[in-house]
Structure formats: structure tokens, C-alpha cells
Amino acid sequence: MNSYVGIEIDGGQMYMMADTPNGCLEHIFPIARDCSLLELQQEVEAFVAKLTYTPSGIGIGMPGLVVGTDKVELSHVLPVLNGATADMFTTAAGIPVAFINDVKAATLAEAAHYQDNHTVAVIMSDAFIAAGVVASGELLLGAKGWSGELGYMILTVNGKPALLDTLASGYAITNQAGIDDAAVRERLEAGDSQVTALIRQAGQYFGYALTNLLHLYNPDVIVIGGSTPTYKGYMEAAKAALEEHALPELLKCCNLTEPKIHNRVIAFGVREWIRKLTQ
């Protein structure tokens, strides 16, 4: 059976998926703060051992800076991954393993739904913000594969430089509000004026970033996913800022939309990535 294992890793868990004659086999491994690379590797080995065939490849979506296809240079989300290499996850069967940044994996998965479009940009905004761009079917990687660090875009606040991540991300919102995500949503629904203003301001900054992205890449489609854009009022403020500051000609030819894949988009994307590398 010619199939691929898709793995996505975030700060709290490792999700694995693979096709079988009886449907999709899935497994979730909770990642503790003191989890080691060896534990992660053993979980991958155990998952592959459950399959009735030898996979053609294993793709792993990593949160952080991925060098090429085989090394994590830096991961703020999960520091245990710092310095991790693909050969650490090679199983006894010698199955090819390739890494890719998690948002770039999501970009591949989403861009597959827009093959008639020239340029597709995908933004994922959760705790932090990142982006990926596919142009003419090719994923833009940059010199070392680190393109798309949108959260590090510099804006100015009161004349001082500030990262987009500190202004518009989920982390920025909960940090400034001094409450967790659930409490933010509760206060929004209750009409709390302070939290509502905070969300609108964060959305406005996100809209500035969208405007910059639009002008840089002139995309046909911008897909916006993640949990932060689901805050009530966030995207309304972002779209208002975009419409106010974007060149009308570029905005007119760009479709702003939500993800087509709502669950495990990274796992789908990494399978597409490893498939491209091994064929």
C-alpha cells in the first residue's frame, strides 16, 4: 500500500494519522513539559508498527524554524525540539522522514483547494501568527525555509517598534487582558467594553498585517485560520483596516476566506509534503 504517515506536533500533543484498508488510523500522544525526544520517537515507532504495510514516508509538521527538510533550528513553542533532526525519527524500517514548519504544511493543504489560482497565502493565527505562500504550485521557502514569520512583522505603536505577535496574536490578547481564552470569549459575549476594545485593536493591527501581505504578494486568495480570528469583532476590525489602507486594485482581485480543512490541516499538509519529496 502506497501511503504516508502525517504527524503534527504542537505545544500540547503529537497527532499521528495514516490510511489503512479499514479507514484512517489516528493516535494522539500528550506532550508533557518534561517530554524527551526519545519519547516522541518511540511513539512514532509504535504507531508505524501498528500499520499492516510499510509507509512510503513520514511527514512531521514542526512548530518553529525548520532548516530544509530535516532539522528544527528553533522552537519557542516546544523547546525540546530545538536541534531535532529527521534521522532521530527514522524507524527500524528505514522509512524516509521529512520535517516542515507547521504553518507551511497547512499552506500546502489549503492551497491544494485552489489549484486554478496563481498565488495563495495562508495565515494561521493562534497563540502566535505565521504565514505561508504558494505561487504557481510551489511553496515559497526562503534561503533556509524560514519565510512567513508574519508574527515578527514590525509595526509602530506610539513611535516605538512592536512585533505583530505582541499586538494581534492570541497570546497578546490574553496577556493584555490578564485572563485566559475562555474568559475573554465570555466577556466578549457579555459585552465587556474593555475586552471588546482590546479585541478590536488587535484585529486592527492584524488588518495592517493583511494589508502588507496583500501588497507584497498580490495573492488571488488569502486563507485565514486559527483560533484568534474567531474572537467576536476581531475579523470585522481587521477587514475594516484592510479596506481602508489597501490598494483597491489589489484588494478587488483577492478573495479573503476561511480554511477548507477545519481539523488536522497540518497532518494533511505534511503528507502532501513527504509525498512530493519521495516521488
C-alpha atoms as a PDB file:
ATOM      1  CA  MET A   1       0.000   0.000   0.000  1.00  0.00           C
ATOM      2  CA  ASN A   2       1.473   3.335  -1.107  1.00  0.00           C
ATOM      3  CA  SER A   3       0.607   5.669   1.754  1.00  0.00           C
ATOM      4  CA  TYR A   4       2.153   8.219   4.055  1.00  0.00           C
ATOM      5  CA  VAL A   5       2.104   8.980   7.760  1.00  0.00           C
ATOM      6  CA  GLY A   6       1.225  12.544   8.718  1.00  0.00           C
ATOM      7  CA  ILE A   7       2.292  13.896  12.107  1.00  0.00           C
ATOM      8  CA  GLU A   8       1.622  17.304  13.611  1.00  0.00           C
ATOM      9  CA  ILE A   9       3.280  18.456  16.814  1.00  0.00           C
ATOM     10  CA  ASP A  10       2.205  21.404  18.923  1.00  0.00           C
ATOM     11  CA  GLY A  11       2.890  22.509  22.461  1.00  0.00           C
ATOM     12  CA  GLY A  12       0.487  20.029  23.985  1.00  0.00           C
ATOM     13  CA  GLN A  13       0.314  16.927  21.844  1.00  0.00           C
ATOM     14  CA  MET A  14       1.540  14.889  18.909  1.00  0.00           C
ATOM     15  CA  TYR A  15      -1.145  13.750  16.492  1.00  0.00           C
ATOM     16  CA  MET A  16      -0.473  10.922  14.026  1.00  0.00           C
ATOM     17  CA  MET A  17      -2.562   9.706  11.109  1.00  0.00           C
ATOM     18  CA  ALA A  18      -2.254   7.118   8.331  1.00  0.00           C
ATOM     19  CA  ASP A  19      -4.591   5.449   5.864  1.00  0.00           C
ATOM     20  CA  THR A  20      -5.445   1.769   6.297  1.00  0.00           C
ATOM     21  CA  PRO A  21      -7.747  -0.612   4.405  1.00  0.00           C
ATOM     22  CA  ASN A  22     -10.252  -0.037   7.212  1.00  0.00           C
ATOM     23  CA  GLY A  23     -10.070   3.749   7.230  1.00  0.00           C
ATOM     24  CA  CYS A  24      -7.843   6.338   8.852  1.00  0.00           C
ATOM     25  CA  LEU A  25      -5.755   5.214  11.833  1.00  0.00           C
ATOM     26  CA  GLU A  26      -5.189   8.023  14.341  1.00  0.00           C
ATOM     27  CA  HIS A  27      -3.294   8.393  17.590  1.00  0.00           C
ATOM     28  CA  ILE A  28      -2.745  11.302  19.976  1.00  0.00           C
ATOM     29  CA  PHE A  29       0.176  11.426  22.382  1.00  0.00           C
ATOM     30  CA  PRO A  30       0.002  14.150  25.073  1.00  0.00           C
ATOM     31  CA  ILE A  31       3.307  16.009  25.341  1.00  0.00           C
ATOM     32  CA  ALA A  32       4.313  16.767  28.923  1.00  0.00           C
ATOM     33  CA  ARG A  33       6.618  19.680  29.757  1.00  0.00           C
ATOM     34  CA  ASP A  34       9.441  17.255  30.563  1.00  0.00           C
ATOM     35  CA  CYS A  35       8.879  15.078  27.483  1.00  0.00           C
ATOM     36  CA  SER A  36      12.039  13.941  25.708  1.00  0.00           C
ATOM     37  CA  LEU A  37      12.803  13.491  22.027  1.00  0.00           C
ATOM     38  CA  LEU A  38      13.262   9.788  22.712  1.00  0.00           C
ATOM     39  CA  GLU A  39       9.667   9.520  23.933  1.00  0.00           C
ATOM     40  CA  LEU A  40       8.394  11.217  20.796  1.00  0.00           C
ATOM     41  CA  GLN A  41      10.480   8.924  18.607  1.00  0.00           C
ATOM     42  CA  GLN A  42       9.210   5.847  20.437  1.00  0.00           C
ATOM     43  CA  GLU A  43       5.610   6.952  19.895  1.00  0.00           C
ATOM     44  CA  VAL A  44       6.240   7.318  16.174  1.00  0.00           C
ATOM     45  CA  GLU A  45       7.861   3.876  16.048  1.00  0.00           C
ATOM     46  CA  ALA A  46       4.933   2.328  17.933  1.00  0.00           C
ATOM     47  CA  PHE A  47       2.388   3.969  15.631  1.00  0.00           C
ATOM     48  CA  VAL A  48       4.130   2.758  12.475  1.00  0.00           C
ATOM     49  CA  ALA A  49       4.329  -0.746  13.950  1.00  0.00           C
ATOM     50  CA  LYS A  50       0.512  -0.847  14.084  1.00  0.00           C
ATOM     51  CA  LEU A  51       0.257  -0.481  10.304  1.00  0.00           C
ATOM     52  CA  THR A  52      -0.126  -3.564   8.108  1.00  0.00           C
ATOM     53  CA  TYR A  53       2.179  -2.051   5.487  1.00  0.00           C
ATOM     54  CA  THR A  54       5.429  -0.094   5.347  1.00  0.00           C
ATOM     55  CA  PRO A  55       4.665   3.601   4.721  1.00  0.00           C
ATOM     56  CA  SER A  56       6.360   5.309   1.796  1.00  0.00           C
ATOM     57  CA  GLY A  57       7.308   8.211   4.056  1.00  0.00           C
ATOM     58  CA  ILE A  58       6.658  10.088   7.289  1.00  0.00           C
ATOM     59  CA  GLY A  59       6.000  13.811   7.277  1.00  0.00           C
ATOM     60  CA  ILE A  60       6.199  15.801  10.519  1.00  0.00           C
ATOM     61  CA  GLY A  61       4.872  19.328  10.975  1.00  0.00           C
ATOM     62  CA  MET A  62       7.061  21.188  13.457  1.00  0.00           C
ATOM     63  CA  PRO A  63       6.295  24.426  15.327  1.00  0.00           C
ATOM     64  CA  GLY A  64       9.322  26.620  14.734  1.00  0.00           C
ATOM     65  CA  LEU A  65      12.143  27.312  12.290  1.00  0.00           C
ATOM     66  CA  VAL A  66      12.827  24.252  10.141  1.00  0.00           C
ATOM     67  CA  VAL A  67      16.071  24.120   8.144  1.00  0.00           C
ATOM     68  CA  GLY A  68      15.494  22.430   4.801  1.00  0.00           C
ATOM     69  CA  THR A  69      13.562  19.239   5.430  1.00  0.00           C
ATOM     70  CA  ASP A  70      15.485  17.692   8.284  1.00  0.00           C
ATOM     71  CA  LYS A  71      16.283  19.973  11.232  1.00  0.00           C
ATOM     72  CA  VAL A  72      14.467  22.173  13.743  1.00  0.00           C
ATOM     73  CA  GLU A  73      16.666  25.199  14.331  1.00  0.00           C
ATOM     74  CA  LEU A  74      14.429  26.844  16.932  1.00  0.00           C
ATOM     75  CA  SER A  75      11.049  26.183  18.519  1.00  0.00           C
ATOM     76  CA  HIS A  76       9.703  28.601  21.108  1.00  0.00           C
ATOM     77  CA  VAL A  77       6.518  26.541  21.401  1.00  0.00           C
ATOM     78  CA  LEU A  78       8.312  23.294  22.300  1.00  0.00           C
ATOM     79  CA  PRO A  79      11.991  23.827  23.218  1.00  0.00           C
ATOM     80  CA  VAL A  80      12.655  20.067  23.399  1.00  0.00           C
ATOM     81  CA  LEU A  81      12.543  20.137  19.586  1.00  0.00           C
ATOM     82  CA  ASN A  82      15.479  22.548  19.325  1.00  0.00           C
ATOM     83  CA  GLY A  83      18.156  20.800  17.286  1.00  0.00           C
ATOM     84  CA  ALA A  84      15.944  17.799  16.462  1.00  0.00           C
ATOM     85  CA  THR A  85      16.785  16.125  13.151  1.00  0.00           C
ATOM     86  CA  ALA A  86      14.755  13.886  10.864  1.00  0.00           C
ATOM     87  CA  ASP A  87      17.079  10.919  11.347  1.00  0.00           C
ATOM     88  CA  MET A  88      16.118  10.887  15.036  1.00  0.00           C
ATOM     89  CA  PHE A  89      12.639   9.828  13.920  1.00  0.00           C
ATOM     90  CA  THR A  90      13.726   7.223  11.391  1.00  0.00           C
ATOM     91  CA  THR A  91      12.174   3.873  12.270  1.00  0.00           C
ATOM     92  CA  ALA A  92      13.821   0.464  12.146  1.00  0.00           C
ATOM     93  CA  ALA A  93      12.311   0.015   8.672  1.00  0.00           C
ATOM     94  CA  GLY A  94      14.316   2.989   7.387  1.00  0.00           C
ATOM     95  CA  ILE A  95      11.257   4.934   6.218  1.00  0.00           C
ATOM     96  CA  PRO A  96      12.080   8.401   4.809  1.00  0.00           C
ATOM     97  CA  VAL A  97      11.253  11.213   7.251  1.00  0.00           C
ATOM     98  CA  ALA A  98      10.912  14.903   6.413  1.00  0.00           C
ATOM     99  CA  PHE A  99      10.170  17.945   8.555  1.00  0.00           C
ATOM    100  CA  ILE A 100       8.274  21.054   7.549  1.00  0.00           C
ATOM    101  CA  ASN A 101       7.118  24.089   9.507  1.00  0.00           C
ATOM    102  CA  ASP A 102       3.557  23.528  10.706  1.00  0.00           C
ATOM    103  CA  VAL A 103       2.068  26.619   9.042  1.00  0.00           C
ATOM    104  CA  LYS A 104       3.762  25.796   5.742  1.00  0.00           C
ATOM    105  CA  ALA A 105       2.196  22.347   5.986  1.00  0.00           C
ATOM    106  CA  ALA A 106      -1.205  23.973   6.496  1.00  0.00           C
ATOM    107  CA  THR A 107      -0.462  26.182   3.489  1.00  0.00           C
ATOM    108  CA  LEU A 108       0.125  23.158   1.268  1.00  0.00           C
ATOM    109  CA  ALA A 109      -3.087  21.517   2.442  1.00  0.00           C
ATOM    110  CA  GLU A 110      -5.178  24.631   1.819  1.00  0.00           C
ATOM    111  CA  ALA A 111      -3.514  25.622  -1.460  1.00  0.00           C
ATOM    112  CA  ALA A 112      -4.449  22.224  -2.893  1.00  0.00           C
ATOM    113  CA  HIS A 113      -8.045  23.502  -2.993  1.00  0.00           C
ATOM    114  CA  TYR A 114      -7.068  26.473  -5.191  1.00  0.00           C
ATOM    115  CA  GLN A 115      -5.017  24.929  -7.962  1.00  0.00           C
ATOM    116  CA  ASP A 116      -6.553  27.274 -10.545  1.00  0.00           C
ATOM    117  CA  ASN A 117      -5.179  30.290  -8.667  1.00  0.00           C
ATOM    118  CA  HIS A 118      -1.675  31.663  -9.167  1.00  0.00           C
ATOM    119  CA  THR A 119      -0.863  32.801  -5.624  1.00  0.00           C
ATOM    120  CA  VAL A 120      -2.399  31.553  -2.395  1.00  0.00           C
ATOM    121  CA  ALA A 121      -1.428  32.939   1.017  1.00  0.00           C
ATOM    122  CA  VAL A 122      -2.373  31.130   4.219  1.00  0.00           C
ATOM    123  CA  ILE A 123      -2.239  32.782   7.650  1.00  0.00           C
ATOM    124  CA  MET A 124      -2.605  30.826  10.873  1.00  0.00           C
ATOM    125  CA  SER A 125      -3.203  32.889  13.992  1.00  0.00           C
ATOM    126  CA  ASP A 126      -3.367  31.053  17.297  1.00  0.00           C
ATOM    127  CA  ALA A 127      -1.031  31.820  20.199  1.00  0.00           C
ATOM    128  CA  PHE A 128       1.253  33.367  17.571  1.00  0.00           C
ATOM    129  CA  ILE A 129       0.969  34.319  13.906  1.00  0.00           C
ATOM    130  CA  ALA A 130       2.655  32.848  10.844  1.00  0.00           C
ATOM    131  CA  ALA A 131       2.003  32.633   7.113  1.00  0.00           C
ATOM    132  CA  GLY A 132       2.822  30.612   4.034  1.00  0.00           C
ATOM    133  CA  VAL A 133       2.593  31.374   0.331  1.00  0.00           C
ATOM    134  CA  VAL A 134       2.204  29.059  -2.658  1.00  0.00           C
ATOM    135  CA  ALA A 135       2.890  30.628  -6.063  1.00  0.00           C
ATOM    136  CA  SER A 136       2.370  28.695  -9.312  1.00  0.00           C
ATOM    137  CA  GLY A 137       2.074  25.492  -7.286  1.00  0.00           C
ATOM    138  CA  GLU A 138       5.372  25.984  -5.460  1.00  0.00           C
ATOM    139  CA  LEU A 139       5.721  26.672  -1.737  1.00  0.00           C
ATOM    140  CA  LEU A 140       7.884  29.737  -1.091  1.00  0.00           C
ATOM    141  CA  LEU A 141      10.525  28.734   1.452  1.00  0.00           C
ATOM    142  CA  GLY A 142      13.255  31.374   1.516  1.00  0.00           C
ATOM    143  CA  ALA A 143      17.010  30.874   1.884  1.00  0.00           C
ATOM    144  CA  LYS A 144      16.705  28.356   4.734  1.00  0.00           C
ATOM    145  CA  GLY A 145      12.984  27.628   4.700  1.00  0.00           C
ATOM    146  CA  TRP A 146      12.125  30.342   7.205  1.00  0.00           C
ATOM    147  CA  SER A 147       9.908  32.603   5.120  1.00  0.00           C
ATOM    148  CA  GLY A 148       6.497  33.516   6.504  1.00  0.00           C
ATOM    149  CA  GLU A 149       7.345  34.626  10.042  1.00  0.00           C
ATOM    150  CA  LEU A 150       4.494  37.120   9.925  1.00  0.00           C
ATOM    151  CA  GLY A 151       4.352  37.470  13.693  1.00  0.00           C
ATOM    152  CA  TYR A 152       7.758  39.161  13.548  1.00  0.00           C
ATOM    153  CA  MET A 153       6.471  41.902  11.252  1.00  0.00           C
ATOM    154  CA  ILE A 154       7.346  45.273  12.785  1.00  0.00           C
ATOM    155  CA  LEU A 155       4.613  47.844  13.342  1.00  0.00           C
ATOM    156  CA  THR A 156       4.918  51.047  15.338  1.00  0.00           C
ATOM    157  CA  VAL A 157       2.977  51.922  18.465  1.00  0.00           C
ATOM    158  CA  ASN A 158       3.432  55.417  19.876  1.00  0.00           C
ATOM    159  CA  GLY A 159       6.515  55.808  17.730  1.00  0.00           C
ATOM    160  CA  LYS A 160       8.151  52.617  19.009  1.00  0.00           C
ATOM    161  CA  PRO A 161       8.648  49.331  17.114  1.00  0.00           C
ATOM    162  CA  ALA A 162       6.487  46.383  18.135  1.00  0.00           C
ATOM    163  CA  LEU A 163       6.118  42.832  16.809  1.00  0.00           C
ATOM    164  CA  LEU A 164       2.771  41.829  15.348  1.00  0.00           C
ATOM    165  CA  ASP A 165       2.822  38.835  17.718  1.00  0.00           C
ATOM    166  CA  THR A 166       2.761  41.231  20.679  1.00  0.00           C
ATOM    167  CA  LEU A 167      -0.138  43.219  19.231  1.00  0.00           C
ATOM    168  CA  ALA A 168      -2.546  40.899  17.440  1.00  0.00           C
ATOM    169  CA  SER A 169      -1.974  37.261  18.445  1.00  0.00           C
ATOM    170  CA  GLY A 170      -3.938  35.118  20.857  1.00  0.00           C
ATOM    171  CA  TYR A 171      -1.043  35.394  23.284  1.00  0.00           C
ATOM    172  CA  ALA A 172      -1.109  39.200  23.048  1.00  0.00           C
ATOM    173  CA  ILE A 173      -4.845  39.314  23.726  1.00  0.00           C
ATOM    174  CA  THR A 174      -4.867  37.033  26.765  1.00  0.00           C
ATOM    175  CA  ASN A 175      -1.703  38.628  28.110  1.00  0.00           C
ATOM    176  CA  GLN A 176      -3.078  42.158  27.844  1.00  0.00           C
ATOM    177  CA  ALA A 177      -6.488  41.136  29.181  1.00  0.00           C
ATOM    178  CA  GLY A 178      -4.924  39.232  32.080  1.00  0.00           C
ATOM    179  CA  ILE A 179      -7.381  36.351  31.609  1.00  0.00           C
ATOM    180  CA  ASP A 180      -7.448  33.097  29.660  1.00  0.00           C
ATOM    181  CA  ASP A 181      -9.063  32.439  26.285  1.00  0.00           C
ATOM    182  CA  ALA A 182     -12.346  31.153  27.683  1.00  0.00           C
ATOM    183  CA  ALA A 183     -12.745  34.190  29.923  1.00  0.00           C
ATOM    184  CA  VAL A 184     -12.027  36.537  27.007  1.00  0.00           C
ATOM    185  CA  ARG A 185     -14.803  34.916  24.989  1.00  0.00           C
ATOM    186  CA  GLU A 186     -17.219  35.051  27.906  1.00  0.00           C
ATOM    187  CA  ARG A 187     -16.604  38.764  28.416  1.00  0.00           C
ATOM    188  CA  LEU A 188     -16.991  39.430  24.714  1.00  0.00           C
ATOM    189  CA  GLU A 189     -20.385  37.756  24.710  1.00  0.00           C
ATOM    190  CA  ALA A 190     -21.342  39.747  27.808  1.00  0.00           C
ATOM    191  CA  GLY A 191     -20.441  42.992  26.023  1.00  0.00           C
ATOM    192  CA  ASP A 192     -17.490  43.927  28.256  1.00  0.00           C
ATOM    193  CA  SER A 193     -16.339  47.264  26.819  1.00  0.00           C
ATOM    194  CA  GLN A 194     -12.657  46.901  27.768  1.00  0.00           C
ATOM    195  CA  VAL A 195     -12.267  43.430  26.290  1.00  0.00           C
ATOM    196  CA  THR A 196     -14.258  44.428  23.215  1.00  0.00           C
ATOM    197  CA  ALA A 197     -11.947  47.398  22.660  1.00  0.00           C
ATOM    198  CA  LEU A 198      -8.886  45.178  23.124  1.00  0.00           C
ATOM    199  CA  ILE A 199     -10.136  42.699  20.511  1.00  0.00           C
ATOM    200  CA  ARG A 200     -10.919  45.461  18.049  1.00  0.00           C
ATOM    201  CA  GLN A 201      -7.475  46.980  18.484  1.00  0.00           C
ATOM    202  CA  ALA A 202      -5.790  43.598  17.990  1.00  0.00           C
ATOM    203  CA  GLY A 203      -7.932  42.992  14.911  1.00  0.00           C
ATOM    204  CA  GLN A 204      -6.953  46.377  13.529  1.00  0.00           C
ATOM    205  CA  TYR A 205      -3.253  45.545  13.843  1.00  0.00           C
ATOM    206  CA  PHE A 206      -3.933  42.216  12.152  1.00  0.00           C
ATOM    207  CA  GLY A 207      -5.625  44.143   9.360  1.00  0.00           C
ATOM    208  CA  TYR A 208      -2.468  46.210   8.893  1.00  0.00           C
ATOM    209  CA  ALA A 209      -0.500  42.983   8.521  1.00  0.00           C
ATOM    210  CA  LEU A 210      -3.030  41.685   5.987  1.00  0.00           C
ATOM    211  CA  THR A 211      -2.586  44.901   4.026  1.00  0.00           C
ATOM    212  CA  ASN A 212       1.189  44.456   3.958  1.00  0.00           C
ATOM    213  CA  LEU A 213       0.825  40.831   2.877  1.00  0.00           C
ATOM    214  CA  LEU A 214      -1.609  41.801   0.130  1.00  0.00           C
ATOM    215  CA  HIS A 215       0.776  44.429  -1.225  1.00  0.00           C
ATOM    216  CA  LEU A 216       3.818  42.141  -1.023  1.00  0.00           C
ATOM    217  CA  TYR A 217       2.394  39.091  -2.798  1.00  0.00           C
ATOM    218  CA  ASN A 218      -0.729  40.221  -4.700  1.00  0.00           C
ATOM    219  CA  PRO A 219      -2.458  36.894  -3.878  1.00  0.00           C
ATOM    220  CA  ASP A 220      -5.618  35.591  -5.515  1.00  0.00           C
ATOM    221  CA  VAL A 221      -6.640  34.096  -2.176  1.00  0.00           C
ATOM    222  CA  ILE A 222      -5.801  34.740   1.470  1.00  0.00           C
ATOM    223  CA  VAL A 223      -6.902  31.921   3.771  1.00  0.00           C
ATOM    224  CA  ILE A 224      -7.140  32.948   7.423  1.00  0.00           C
ATOM    225  CA  GLY A 225      -7.267  30.186  10.033  1.00  0.00           C
ATOM    226  CA  GLY A 226      -6.569  29.598  13.693  1.00  0.00           C
ATOM    227  CA  SER A 227      -8.460  30.401  16.861  1.00  0.00           C
ATOM    228  CA  THR A 228      -7.660  34.113  17.251  1.00  0.00           C
ATOM    229  CA  PRO A 229      -9.697  35.280  14.215  1.00  0.00           C
ATOM    230  CA  THR A 230     -12.773  33.660  15.785  1.00  0.00           C
ATOM    231  CA  TYR A 231     -12.895  36.268  18.569  1.00  0.00           C
ATOM    232  CA  LYS A 232     -16.069  38.294  18.136  1.00  0.00           C
ATOM    233  CA  GLY A 233     -15.219  41.566  16.390  1.00  0.00           C
ATOM    234  CA  TYR A 234     -11.603  40.644  15.543  1.00  0.00           C
ATOM    235  CA  MET A 235     -12.020  39.996  11.826  1.00  0.00           C
ATOM    236  CA  GLU A 236     -14.500  42.818  11.418  1.00  0.00           C
ATOM    237  CA  ALA A 237     -11.831  45.236  12.659  1.00  0.00           C
ATOM    238  CA  ALA A 238      -9.179  43.545  10.507  1.00  0.00           C
ATOM    239  CA  LYS A 239     -11.267  43.797   7.343  1.00  0.00           C
ATOM    240  CA  ALA A 240     -12.085  47.435   8.058  1.00  0.00           C
ATOM    241  CA  ALA A 241      -8.367  48.256   8.337  1.00  0.00           C
ATOM    242  CA  LEU A 242      -7.617  46.271   5.183  1.00  0.00           C
ATOM    243  CA  GLU A 243     -10.300  48.050   3.173  1.00  0.00           C
ATOM    244  CA  GLU A 244      -9.129  51.442   4.427  1.00  0.00           C
ATOM    245  CA  HIS A 245      -5.444  51.023   3.617  1.00  0.00           C
ATOM    246  CA  ALA A 246      -5.155  48.506   0.774  1.00  0.00           C
ATOM    247  CA  LEU A 247      -4.816  49.499  -2.845  1.00  0.00           C
ATOM    248  CA  PRO A 248      -8.317  48.911  -4.254  1.00  0.00           C
ATOM    249  CA  GLU A 249      -6.962  47.198  -7.382  1.00  0.00           C
ATOM    250  CA  LEU A 250      -5.122  44.550  -5.340  1.00  0.00           C
ATOM    251  CA  LEU A 251      -7.973  44.076  -2.901  1.00  0.00           C
ATOM    252  CA  LYS A 252     -10.506  43.628  -5.689  1.00  0.00           C
ATOM    253  CA  CYS A 253      -8.718  40.617  -7.145  1.00  0.00           C
ATOM    254  CA  CYS A 254      -8.144  38.908  -3.763  1.00  0.00           C
ATOM    255  CA  ASN A 255     -10.583  36.589  -2.036  1.00  0.00           C
ATOM    256  CA  LEU A 256     -10.406  36.539   1.776  1.00  0.00           C
ATOM    257  CA  THR A 257     -11.673  33.217   3.054  1.00  0.00           C
ATOM    258  CA  GLU A 258     -11.653  30.609   5.846  1.00  0.00           C
ATOM    259  CA  PRO A 259      -9.833  27.255   5.710  1.00  0.00           C
ATOM    260  CA  LYS A 260     -11.392  24.411   3.755  1.00  0.00           C
ATOM    261  CA  ILE A 261      -9.931  21.909   6.230  1.00  0.00           C
ATOM    262  CA  HIS A 262     -11.016  22.619   9.787  1.00  0.00           C
ATOM    263  CA  ASN A 263      -9.377  19.711  11.603  1.00  0.00           C
ATOM    264  CA  ARG A 264      -5.821  18.412  11.378  1.00  0.00           C
ATOM    265  CA  VAL A 265      -4.891  20.589   8.421  1.00  0.00           C
ATOM    266  CA  ILE A 266      -1.195  20.280   9.340  1.00  0.00           C
ATOM    267  CA  ALA A 267      -1.288  16.484   9.219  1.00  0.00           C
ATOM    268  CA  PHE A 268      -2.880  16.586   5.762  1.00  0.00           C
ATOM    269  CA  GLY A 269      -0.268  19.083   4.625  1.00  0.00           C
ATOM    270  CA  VAL A 270       2.749  17.113   5.826  1.00  0.00           C
ATOM    271  CA  ARG A 271       1.536  14.042   3.991  1.00  0.00           C
ATOM    272  CA  GLU A 272       1.404  16.099   0.797  1.00  0.00           C
ATOM    273  CA  TRP A 273       4.925  17.386   1.577  1.00  0.00           C
ATOM    274  CA  ILE A 274       6.514  13.979   2.069  1.00  0.00           C
ATOM    275  CA  ARG A 275       4.672  12.665  -0.992  1.00  0.00           C
ATOM    276  CA  LYS A 276       6.209  15.406  -3.152  1.00  0.00           C
ATOM    277  CA  LEU A 277       9.687  14.722  -1.750  1.00  0.00           C
ATOM    278  CA  THR A 278       9.615  10.977  -2.295  1.00  0.00           C
ATOM    279  CA  GLN A 279       8.008  10.779  -5.723  1.00  0.00           C
END
